[in-house]
Every structure is written in structure tokens, then in C-alpha cells.
């Protein structure tokens, strides 16, 4: 009879754990390039997810129906609210347990460097552009292409002027695959206006729209001092930095809509009303249904709550960043120096940005403290329903992008580990965060 030992989750997990240990013990110290360090981090996250999937017998939260007591959980049309709530709590605990295990496997091996290859960037073409459009005496010393973005590429330039003085500039360039539909041409107009208003953004210097220099449009910007300190899930270590992020967000929302609206595409110039919000929820529900691989009690509850509360949203309107969290904020020490990546900017509801950053911010400060700092910067007096509604809606909007990334990777169109990372690591975490939010909204969170 064949030996079935390897089919047990514990035995399979041993292989993944050995790989993780070897990466930390023997590989990490040998990494020299920023590209290798970035890929090391992505591989660690992917392996952590796969090993946890073996522990829990579920690769993604969408597959959790199999581990409900009845083998699938209640149907979306289950009559008894109490039954739905019991299943929601049960599934939520499973999601929490999985994310805790994934986090524990990732902990202890952070990777600070994040850089990608410089493919498709011609040094000669870039230097010629700088000489012709910026300063004939400029010399390009070196450049490096940062990773992390999936629709835009950031290139750090080290330059020298005619007197040999060195300085740095930044290029933000459209990639061939644009997930968001926004281009650097759109961002250039927005950044120019925000810089004019004194808002902390990198000042744009030059726009190249033709795509002849680097193969796609790009803009040249000033380099702002500071570095990223945190990400979508984790805040900076300093409380002051988190409170500054709240105050700066309040300043953005206090910016007169009429000042910025003309810089946006026409369909982004008006905030959606209740009817449009309902349409968005239904659209995201269709996206989930088309991409999820099994019935999920959590997402059933999310869509049900959103549709029930859409009429209760306060009709506020403001400038919205659309991706305002710590992966897009630069800090020097605990001082916020710049807000980056404006490709999702639009006119919308202020709670869109608040809901997006809340899960990370409350790990460092009380939500009431964050809102007080936000109000001090000029922010709105949003209601708890506003924040919950747009927290969930924002996660659904991001899930749609992540589903696209997952499909692109799994189709075999690319072997880009960044796409594997976001689809395998970040998508399940989004579902778990939705579970936390909906349990809180329904008073079911312990």
C-alpha cells in the first residue's frame, strides 16, 4: 500500500517551513542586488501563504466553505439571521487564524530594499531627453528602477550639472499594462495644481507624452526627501507619523473641489450619489461572483450590509486620493514629507480615504485620535456608517484590481512574482479585513 504520509497537512508544511528557514539562514545574507532582495520578500510571502494553506486546508478565503461545519456554510438565502451570523463568526475566526499564521511565518525577515530591473529604459534616450528639454549641460550618472507599482514605474535618476554638482530627480512612467486606466498625463495636471496650492507632493517638472523616449509617457519630478515607513496593512512605528498622516489627509479634503476638478477627467469630477453607489456595490458583487472559487459567507454579509445602508451615507463631497495609505506616504523621521501616487485621485466622499487607511492607523493610535488630527487639518465630521461603508467599498474596489492581477498571472501571460504576491498574499488578507469590518458593523466582533 502506498505511503500516504505526504498527504497530511503537517508533513507538507514541513517542506515549506524548511524552505523558509533556508531562505533566512543561507540565502538572505548572500543577496547583493536590490532586485534580489525584493524577490526574496515576495517569495517569503508566497511561501508563507502556501504553507498556511496546507495547515488550514484552504488556499484562499474563497475556498473556506469546505471547512464550515455543514461542509459549505449557509446559502445566501438562508432564512434565519441567527444562522447566518453564527456562520459569519465561524468563518471570521478561521480567516483570523489563517492571517495570524501567515503573519507569524513572515515575521522576523523584513526586507527594506525594493528595486526592480531597468528593462526597456535606454540610457542614451533618457540622457538626450534631459539635455534637450531640461538642461544641455546635464549628465546622467546612473539610474535605478523601483519595484512595487503595477501600473506605473518609478525611476530614480542621479544627475550632474555642467559644474559637476550632483543631484537627484524622479521619473514616473506608464507601464504597458495599466490596471487603473489612469496615465501620468492625468497625474501631472493634478500634481501641478496641488504643488501650486502648497500641498506636500513631489513638484512635477516636465511631461513627455509621446512615448518615443522610453516607450510610454512619463513625467520628471523633483525628488522629495524621506522614505516609505509602512504599507497598506501596517503603519509607521511613530504615533506622531500616523497623526501627521491624518492631519495631511484633512488638508487634502479641505482643498476646494472647484480648484482640482478641472484637472481631472470629466467622469471623475463628481461624487457618486446613492443610486450610483448602489450600482457600484452591485457591480462589485458581480465581479466577486465571476472570480470567487467558492461560496463565502463573509462576502455575502458584506454585500447585504452595503445594499441595506447605501441610503444612510452622508452626502459629503471632497477631493479623494483613492490610495491614501502608508505605502504612498514619505516620512523623514516622523515628519510626513510627501504624498505619492495620485493615479486614483477623483472627486468623491472623504470617508473613502478614511476607510482605506483606518485598519493600519488604528494599530498605532485610537481612531478617535486619528479623527481629531484629521479634523484639525480641516477634515469632515464623517459618521461611523460613512467610514464602514467606504472601508468595505474600497476593499471591493481593490479586490477587483487584485482579481485582474491573479487572472493575468494564472493564465500564464507572465511569471512576474509581484503579481503572484499581490494575488496570493494581499487578496486573502483583503477578505479577512472585510470579515473584521462586517463583524464590527453587525456587533459580532469579540
Protein backbone atom coordinates (compact mmCIF):
# COMPACT_ATOMS: atom_id res chain seq x y z
CA UNK A 1 0.00 0.00 0.00
CA UNK A 2 1.47 3.43 -0.94
CA UNK A 3 2.73 5.62 1.86
CA UNK A 4 0.20 8.48 2.31
CA UNK A 5 2.27 10.45 4.85
CA UNK A 6 2.95 13.37 2.50
CA UNK A 7 -0.77 13.95 2.06
CA UNK A 8 -1.13 15.20 5.62
CA UNK A 9 -1.04 19.00 6.04
CA UNK A 10 1.59 18.81 8.78
CA UNK A 11 4.02 16.83 6.61
CA UNK A 12 3.57 19.09 3.59
CA UNK A 13 4.05 22.15 5.78
CA UNK A 14 7.42 20.78 6.91
CA UNK A 15 8.76 21.24 3.38
CA UNK A 16 7.55 24.82 3.18
CA UNK A 17 8.95 25.61 6.62
CA UNK A 18 12.32 24.16 5.62
CA UNK A 19 12.35 26.40 2.54
CA UNK A 20 11.51 29.46 4.63
CA UNK A 21 14.25 28.61 7.12
CA UNK A 22 16.83 28.10 4.37
CA UNK A 23 15.90 31.42 2.77
CA UNK A 24 16.52 33.22 6.05
CA UNK A 25 19.59 31.27 7.15
CA UNK A 26 21.53 30.73 3.93
CA UNK A 27 20.12 32.93 1.15
CA UNK A 28 19.25 36.28 2.72
CA UNK A 29 22.84 37.12 3.70
CA UNK A 30 24.08 36.44 0.15
CA UNK A 31 21.68 38.82 -1.56
CA UNK A 32 23.51 41.72 -3.15
CA UNK A 33 21.17 43.49 -5.57
CA UNK A 34 18.03 45.35 -4.59
CA UNK A 35 16.16 43.25 -7.14
CA UNK A 36 17.20 40.03 -5.39
CA UNK A 37 16.15 41.45 -2.02
CA UNK A 38 12.75 42.42 -3.35
CA UNK A 39 12.16 38.98 -4.85
CA UNK A 40 13.29 37.38 -1.61
CA UNK A 41 10.49 39.23 0.21
CA UNK A 42 7.90 38.23 -2.39
CA UNK A 43 8.97 34.57 -2.26
CA UNK A 44 8.75 34.59 1.52
CA UNK A 45 5.21 35.94 1.48
CA UNK A 46 4.11 33.44 -1.16
CA UNK A 47 5.67 30.51 0.70
CA UNK A 48 4.13 31.71 3.96
CA UNK A 49 0.69 31.68 2.35
CA UNK A 50 1.18 28.27 0.74
CA UNK A 51 2.42 26.69 3.95
CA UNK A 52 -0.51 28.11 5.90
CA UNK A 53 -2.87 26.81 3.25
CA UNK A 54 -1.55 23.33 3.98
CA UNK A 55 -2.13 23.87 7.70
CA UNK A 56 -5.71 25.07 7.18
CA UNK A 57 -6.63 23.01 4.09
CA UNK A 58 -7.69 26.21 2.32
CA UNK A 59 -5.54 28.10 -0.17
CA UNK A 60 -7.67 31.24 -0.25
CA UNK A 61 -10.54 32.58 1.89
CA UNK A 62 -12.84 31.93 -1.08
CA UNK A 63 -12.30 28.22 -0.50
CA UNK A 64 -13.35 28.29 3.15
CA UNK A 65 -16.85 26.93 2.52
CA UNK A 66 -15.42 23.41 2.72
CA UNK A 67 -14.43 23.86 6.36
CA UNK A 68 -17.78 25.06 7.67
CA UNK A 69 -19.48 22.54 9.96
CA UNK A 70 -22.04 21.58 7.29
CA UNK A 71 -19.44 21.46 4.53
CA UNK A 72 -20.43 24.69 2.80
CA UNK A 73 -21.95 27.18 5.25
CA UNK A 74 -25.45 28.63 4.85
CA UNK A 75 -26.69 29.64 1.42
CA UNK A 76 -27.04 33.37 0.65
CA UNK A 77 -30.82 32.95 1.00
CA UNK A 78 -30.72 31.30 4.43
CA UNK A 79 -33.87 32.36 6.26
CA UNK A 80 -32.56 32.60 9.80
CA UNK A 81 -30.43 35.64 10.58
CA UNK A 82 -29.00 33.85 13.62
CA UNK A 83 -27.74 31.01 11.39
CA UNK A 84 -26.06 33.47 9.04
CA UNK A 85 -24.42 35.29 11.94
CA UNK A 86 -23.13 32.07 13.51
CA UNK A 87 -21.60 31.06 10.17
CA UNK A 88 -20.13 34.55 9.72
CA UNK A 89 -18.44 34.43 13.14
CA UNK A 90 -17.17 30.91 12.49
CA UNK A 91 -15.72 31.86 9.13
CA UNK A 92 -14.27 35.07 10.60
CA UNK A 93 -12.38 33.11 13.23
CA UNK A 94 -10.95 30.85 10.52
CA UNK A 95 -9.86 33.88 8.49
CA UNK A 96 -8.26 35.48 11.56
CA UNK A 97 -6.44 32.24 12.36
CA UNK A 98 -5.07 31.91 8.83
CA UNK A 99 -3.80 35.50 8.72
CA UNK A 100 -2.20 35.12 12.15
CA UNK A 101 -0.33 32.03 10.94
CA UNK A 102 0.77 33.75 7.73
CA UNK A 103 1.98 36.80 9.65
CA UNK A 104 3.90 34.66 12.13
CA UNK A 105 5.72 32.89 9.29
CA UNK A 106 6.65 36.20 7.66
CA UNK A 107 7.74 37.87 10.91
CA UNK A 108 11.43 38.16 11.56
CA UNK A 109 12.52 38.50 7.95
CA UNK A 110 11.68 42.05 6.78
CA UNK A 111 13.16 43.30 3.54
CA UNK A 112 13.70 47.03 3.27
CA UNK A 113 15.10 47.24 -0.24
CA UNK A 114 12.69 47.26 -3.12
CA UNK A 115 14.02 47.59 -6.62
CA UNK A 116 13.37 46.07 -10.00
CA UNK A 117 15.18 45.68 -13.27
CA UNK A 118 15.84 48.56 -15.62
CA UNK A 119 14.43 46.77 -18.64
CA UNK A 120 13.25 48.83 -21.60
CA UNK A 121 14.96 52.00 -20.34
CA UNK A 122 17.56 53.38 -22.75
CA UNK A 123 20.28 55.38 -21.01
CA UNK A 124 21.11 57.23 -24.20
CA UNK A 125 17.50 58.16 -24.96
CA UNK A 126 16.94 59.31 -21.40
CA UNK A 127 20.08 61.46 -21.30
CA UNK A 128 19.26 63.00 -24.67
CA UNK A 129 15.79 63.95 -23.42
CA UNK A 130 17.23 65.60 -20.31
CA UNK A 131 19.77 67.57 -22.34
CA UNK A 132 17.18 68.75 -24.86
CA UNK A 133 14.28 69.59 -22.54
CA UNK A 134 15.84 70.35 -19.16
CA UNK A 135 19.48 71.46 -19.37
CA UNK A 136 22.08 70.91 -22.15
CA UNK A 137 24.78 70.57 -19.51
CA UNK A 138 23.13 67.68 -17.67
CA UNK A 139 24.84 64.31 -17.43
CA UNK A 140 23.11 61.09 -16.37
CA UNK A 141 25.35 59.30 -13.86
CA UNK A 142 23.12 56.33 -13.07
CA UNK A 143 19.52 55.30 -12.54
CA UNK A 144 17.59 52.54 -10.84
CA UNK A 145 14.04 51.35 -11.39
CA UNK A 146 11.97 50.83 -8.26
CA UNK A 147 9.53 47.98 -7.96
CA UNK A 148 6.21 47.91 -6.18
CA UNK A 149 3.93 49.58 -8.71
CA UNK A 150 1.87 47.52 -11.14
CA UNK A 151 0.52 50.26 -13.40
CA UNK A 152 3.29 52.83 -13.03
CA UNK A 153 7.08 52.60 -12.85
CA UNK A 154 9.32 54.84 -10.76
CA UNK A 155 12.88 55.56 -11.90
CA UNK A 156 15.41 57.27 -9.62
CA UNK A 157 17.95 59.40 -11.52
CA UNK A 158 21.35 60.57 -10.32
CA UNK A 159 22.41 63.59 -12.40
CA UNK A 160 25.29 66.07 -12.59
CA UNK A 161 25.12 69.60 -13.97
CA UNK A 162 27.76 71.36 -16.10
CA UNK A 163 29.72 72.21 -12.93
CA UNK A 164 29.81 68.63 -11.71
CA UNK A 165 27.28 69.16 -8.94
CA UNK A 166 25.25 66.01 -8.35
CA UNK A 167 21.52 65.91 -7.59
CA UNK A 168 18.57 63.56 -7.96
CA UNK A 169 15.34 63.58 -9.91
CA UNK A 170 12.48 61.06 -10.30
CA UNK A 171 10.67 59.76 -13.36
CA UNK A 172 7.18 58.29 -13.09
CA UNK A 173 6.32 56.29 -16.18
CA UNK A 174 3.28 54.46 -17.51
CA UNK A 175 3.70 50.72 -17.84
CA UNK A 176 2.37 48.75 -20.77
CA UNK A 177 -0.25 47.05 -18.58
CA UNK A 178 -2.30 49.78 -16.92
CA UNK A 179 -4.66 48.30 -14.32
CA UNK A 180 -6.22 51.58 -13.21
CA UNK A 181 -6.85 53.31 -16.55
CA UNK A 182 -5.05 56.48 -15.36
CA UNK A 183 -1.93 57.82 -17.07
CA UNK A 184 0.91 60.04 -15.91
CA UNK A 185 -0.63 62.76 -18.08
CA UNK A 186 -3.58 62.81 -15.66
CA UNK A 187 -1.29 62.80 -12.62
CA UNK A 188 0.86 65.61 -14.00
CA UNK A 189 -2.08 68.03 -14.09
CA UNK A 190 -3.18 67.10 -10.57
CA UNK A 191 0.32 67.31 -9.07
CA UNK A 192 0.94 70.68 -10.70
CA UNK A 193 -2.18 72.11 -9.08
CA UNK A 194 -1.51 70.54 -5.67
CA UNK A 195 2.09 71.80 -5.67
CA UNK A 196 0.78 75.26 -6.55
CA UNK A 197 -1.55 75.03 -3.51
CA UNK A 198 1.37 74.13 -1.21
CA UNK A 199 0.26 70.56 -0.59
CA UNK A 200 3.13 68.10 0.16
CA UNK A 201 3.65 66.40 -3.20
CA UNK A 202 6.69 65.98 -5.48
CA UNK A 203 6.76 69.01 -7.81
CA UNK A 204 6.38 67.92 -11.44
CA UNK A 205 8.94 69.46 -13.79
CA UNK A 206 8.33 68.08 -17.26
CA UNK A 207 5.82 65.88 -19.06
CA UNK A 208 6.72 63.67 -22.03
CA UNK A 209 3.51 62.41 -23.65
CA UNK A 210 4.66 60.89 -26.91
CA UNK A 211 6.16 57.66 -25.59
CA UNK A 212 9.07 57.99 -28.04
CA UNK A 213 11.77 58.34 -25.37
CA UNK A 214 11.02 55.41 -23.02
CA UNK A 215 8.26 53.61 -24.89
CA UNK A 216 5.45 55.16 -22.82
CA UNK A 217 4.56 58.62 -21.42
CA UNK A 218 6.39 59.80 -18.30
CA UNK A 219 6.89 62.85 -16.12
CA UNK A 220 10.03 64.20 -14.50
CA UNK A 221 9.64 65.27 -10.86
CA UNK A 222 11.69 66.71 -8.05
CA UNK A 223 12.93 64.15 -5.53
CA UNK A 224 11.41 64.58 -2.08
CA UNK A 225 13.40 63.62 0.99
CA UNK A 226 12.07 60.77 3.08
CA UNK A 227 11.17 57.12 2.74
CA UNK A 228 8.14 54.86 2.96
CA UNK A 229 7.53 53.66 6.52
CA UNK A 230 4.68 51.15 6.46
CA UNK A 231 2.22 49.73 3.94
CA UNK A 232 -1.49 49.14 3.39
CA UNK A 233 -1.60 46.77 6.37
CA UNK A 234 1.00 48.23 8.74
CA UNK A 235 1.55 51.82 9.97
CA UNK A 236 4.81 53.65 10.80
CA UNK A 237 6.28 52.95 14.22
CA UNK A 238 5.88 56.54 15.44
CA UNK A 239 2.49 57.73 16.68
CA UNK A 240 3.35 61.25 15.51
CA UNK A 241 3.78 60.00 11.95
CA UNK A 242 0.33 58.40 11.99
CA UNK A 243 -1.28 61.54 13.40
CA UNK A 244 0.50 63.62 10.76
CA UNK A 245 -0.95 61.39 8.08
CA UNK A 246 -4.39 62.21 9.49
CA UNK A 247 -3.76 65.96 9.51
CA UNK A 248 -2.40 65.95 5.95
CA UNK A 249 -5.42 63.94 4.80
CA UNK A 250 -7.67 66.56 6.40
CA UNK A 251 -5.82 69.24 4.42
CA UNK A 252 -6.49 67.34 1.19
CA UNK A 253 -10.20 67.01 1.90
CA UNK A 254 -10.34 70.72 2.78
CA UNK A 255 -8.98 71.62 -0.67
CA UNK A 256 -11.82 73.27 -2.62
CA UNK A 257 -13.25 70.79 -5.09
CA UNK A 258 -13.56 73.54 -7.69
CA UNK A 259 -9.77 74.07 -7.61
CA UNK A 260 -8.92 70.50 -8.52
CA UNK A 261 -11.90 69.27 -10.53
CA UNK A 262 -10.75 70.94 -13.80
CA UNK A 263 -7.52 68.91 -13.70
CA UNK A 264 -9.46 65.62 -13.68
CA UNK A 265 -11.10 63.65 -16.44
CA UNK A 266 -14.77 64.51 -16.76
CA UNK A 267 -16.11 61.25 -15.29
CA UNK A 268 -14.03 61.81 -12.13
CA UNK A 269 -15.30 65.32 -11.40
CA UNK A 270 -18.46 64.46 -9.44
CA UNK A 271 -19.04 62.32 -6.36
CA UNK A 272 -21.48 59.42 -6.83
CA UNK A 273 -24.92 59.70 -5.24
CA UNK A 274 -26.82 56.92 -3.51
CA UNK A 275 -28.09 55.41 -6.77
CA UNK A 276 -24.58 55.33 -8.24
CA UNK A 277 -23.15 53.84 -5.05
CA UNK A 278 -25.75 51.09 -5.21
CA UNK A 279 -24.72 50.39 -8.82
CA UNK A 280 -21.08 50.15 -7.72
CA UNK A 281 -21.94 47.64 -4.99
CA UNK A 282 -23.91 45.52 -7.46
CA UNK A 283 -21.05 45.73 -9.96
CA UNK A 284 -18.52 44.59 -7.35
CA UNK A 285 -20.87 41.78 -6.34
CA UNK A 286 -20.87 40.61 -9.96
CA UNK A 287 -17.06 40.82 -10.05
CA UNK A 288 -16.85 38.69 -6.91
CA UNK A 289 -19.31 36.14 -8.27
CA UNK A 290 -17.36 35.86 -11.53
CA UNK A 291 -13.97 35.41 -9.86
CA UNK A 292 -14.50 33.71 -6.50
CA UNK A 293 -13.98 29.97 -6.47
CA UNK A 294 -16.49 29.04 -3.78
CA UNK A 295 -19.31 30.46 -1.69
CA UNK A 296 -18.06 32.87 1.01
CA UNK A 297 -20.29 33.75 3.98
CA UNK A 298 -18.23 36.86 4.71
CA UNK A 299 -18.73 38.40 1.29
CA UNK A 300 -22.45 37.56 1.30
CA UNK A 301 -22.75 39.58 4.51
CA UNK A 302 -20.66 42.45 3.12
CA UNK A 303 -22.84 42.90 0.04
CA UNK A 304 -26.04 42.56 2.08
CA UNK A 305 -24.91 45.26 4.57
CA UNK A 306 -23.75 47.68 1.87
CA UNK A 307 -27.04 47.47 -0.03
CA UNK A 308 -29.01 47.94 3.20
CA UNK A 309 -27.03 51.04 4.23
CA UNK A 310 -26.38 52.88 0.98
CA UNK A 311 -29.16 55.40 1.68
CA UNK A 312 -27.65 56.21 5.10
CA UNK A 313 -24.38 57.60 3.71
CA UNK A 314 -23.91 61.33 4.39
CA UNK A 315 -23.78 63.23 1.06
CA UNK A 316 -20.32 64.79 1.52
CA UNK A 317 -18.05 65.72 -1.38
CA UNK A 318 -14.28 66.23 -1.38
CA UNK A 319 -11.08 65.60 -3.29
CA UNK A 320 -10.19 61.92 -2.74
CA UNK A 321 -6.70 60.46 -3.15
CA UNK A 322 -8.05 56.93 -3.69
CA UNK A 323 -4.93 55.08 -2.44
CA UNK A 324 -4.09 57.02 0.72
CA UNK A 325 -2.14 54.68 2.98
CA UNK A 326 1.39 54.27 4.28
CA UNK A 327 2.84 52.65 1.16
CA UNK A 328 2.24 56.00 -0.58
CA UNK A 329 3.45 58.36 2.16
CA UNK A 330 7.05 59.50 2.62
CA UNK A 331 8.42 60.30 6.08
CA UNK A 332 11.69 61.79 7.23
CA UNK A 333 11.90 60.59 10.80
CA UNK A 334 8.32 61.04 11.92
CA UNK A 335 7.67 64.04 9.66
CA UNK A 336 5.47 63.45 6.61
CA UNK A 337 7.26 64.93 3.59
CA UNK A 338 5.14 63.87 0.60
CA UNK A 339 2.01 62.07 -0.57
CA UNK A 340 2.76 59.92 -3.62
CA UNK A 341 0.92 58.05 -6.41
CA UNK A 342 -2.10 60.11 -7.46
CA UNK A 343 -3.37 57.86 -10.24
CA UNK A 344 -6.70 57.18 -8.47
CA UNK A 345 -7.47 60.78 -7.46
CA UNK A 346 -11.08 61.85 -8.03
CA UNK A 347 -13.94 63.81 -6.54
CA UNK A 348 -15.74 61.55 -4.11
CA UNK A 349 -16.62 61.03 -0.45
CA UNK A 350 -13.99 61.84 2.22
CA UNK A 351 -14.73 58.56 4.01
CA UNK A 352 -13.23 56.72 1.01
CA UNK A 353 -9.74 57.73 2.14
CA UNK A 354 -10.54 57.40 5.83
CA UNK A 355 -11.90 53.90 5.39
CA UNK A 356 -8.89 52.86 3.35
CA UNK A 357 -6.29 53.88 5.95
CA UNK A 358 -8.22 53.01 9.12
CA UNK A 359 -7.14 49.36 9.51
CA UNK A 360 -3.48 50.35 9.53
CA UNK A 361 -3.83 53.57 11.53
CA UNK A 362 -5.70 52.02 14.47
CA UNK A 363 -2.79 49.70 15.12
CA UNK A 364 -0.87 52.75 16.38
CA UNK A 365 -3.45 55.30 17.62
CA UNK A 366 -7.07 55.27 18.72
CA UNK A 367 -9.48 56.01 15.88
CA UNK A 368 -10.83 58.98 17.86
CA UNK A 369 -7.29 60.43 17.98
CA UNK A 370 -6.85 59.95 14.25
CA UNK A 371 -10.17 61.70 13.55
CA UNK A 372 -9.24 64.58 15.87
CA UNK A 373 -5.98 65.14 13.95
CA UNK A 374 -7.89 64.80 10.70
CA UNK A 375 -10.40 67.45 11.81
CA UNK A 376 -7.53 69.73 12.87
CA UNK A 377 -6.31 69.61 9.28
CA UNK A 378 -9.73 70.65 8.00
CA UNK A 379 -11.36 67.24 7.59
CA UNK A 380 -15.08 66.40 7.65
CA UNK A 381 -17.21 65.13 10.52
CA UNK A 382 -17.97 61.76 8.97
CA UNK A 383 -20.31 59.24 10.61
CA UNK A 384 -19.38 55.65 11.61
CA UNK A 385 -21.69 54.35 8.86
CA UNK A 386 -19.86 56.54 6.31
CA UNK A 387 -16.50 55.09 7.32
CA UNK A 388 -17.67 51.46 7.42
CA UNK A 389 -19.45 51.80 4.08
CA UNK A 390 -16.43 53.22 2.27
CA UNK A 391 -14.00 50.94 4.08
CA UNK A 392 -15.81 47.96 2.60
CA UNK A 393 -16.36 49.60 -0.78
CA UNK A 394 -12.66 50.50 -1.01
CA UNK A 395 -11.65 46.91 -0.31
CA UNK A 396 -14.01 45.70 -3.01
CA UNK A 397 -12.52 48.19 -5.46
CA UNK A 398 -9.03 46.92 -4.65
CA UNK A 399 -10.17 43.29 -4.90
CA UNK A 400 -11.31 43.93 -8.45
CA UNK A 401 -7.76 45.00 -9.34
CA UNK A 402 -6.28 42.02 -7.50
CA UNK A 403 -8.58 39.61 -9.31
CA UNK A 404 -7.28 41.07 -12.55
CA UNK A 405 -3.69 40.57 -11.42
CA UNK A 406 -4.44 36.99 -10.36
CA UNK A 407 -6.07 36.14 -13.66
CA UNK A 408 -3.15 37.64 -15.59
CA UNK A 409 -0.61 35.59 -13.61
CA UNK A 410 -2.53 32.31 -13.53
CA UNK A 411 -3.26 32.48 -17.26
CA UNK A 412 0.47 32.08 -17.92
CA UNK A 413 0.77 35.53 -19.51
CA UNK A 414 3.55 36.42 -17.08
CA UNK A 415 5.76 34.91 -14.38
CA UNK A 416 6.03 38.23 -12.54
CA UNK A 417 6.29 37.39 -8.84
CA UNK A 418 4.84 40.78 -7.95
CA UNK A 419 1.53 39.69 -9.44
CA UNK A 420 1.78 36.31 -7.73
CA UNK A 421 2.49 38.12 -4.47
CA UNK A 422 -0.47 40.51 -4.65
CA UNK A 423 -2.91 37.83 -5.72
CA UNK A 424 -1.83 35.15 -3.27
CA UNK A 425 -0.84 37.29 -0.29
CA UNK A 426 -2.87 40.51 -0.47
CA UNK A 427 -6.19 39.22 -1.84
CA UNK A 428 -6.81 36.79 1.05
CA UNK A 429 -5.87 39.49 3.54
CA UNK A 430 -8.43 41.82 1.96
CA UNK A 431 -11.14 39.21 2.54
CA UNK A 432 -10.06 38.80 6.17
CA UNK A 433 -10.19 42.58 6.69
CA UNK A 434 -13.69 42.61 5.19
CA UNK A 435 -14.60 39.94 7.73
CA UNK A 436 -13.33 42.09 10.61
CA UNK A 437 -15.22 45.14 9.32
CA UNK A 438 -18.53 43.38 8.81
CA UNK A 439 -18.37 41.66 12.20
CA UNK A 440 -17.77 45.07 13.80
CA UNK A 441 -20.62 46.63 11.85
CA UNK A 442 -23.00 43.87 12.97
CA UNK A 443 -21.79 43.87 16.58
CA UNK A 444 -20.35 40.35 16.27
CA UNK A 445 -16.63 41.11 16.80
CA UNK A 446 -15.29 39.87 20.13
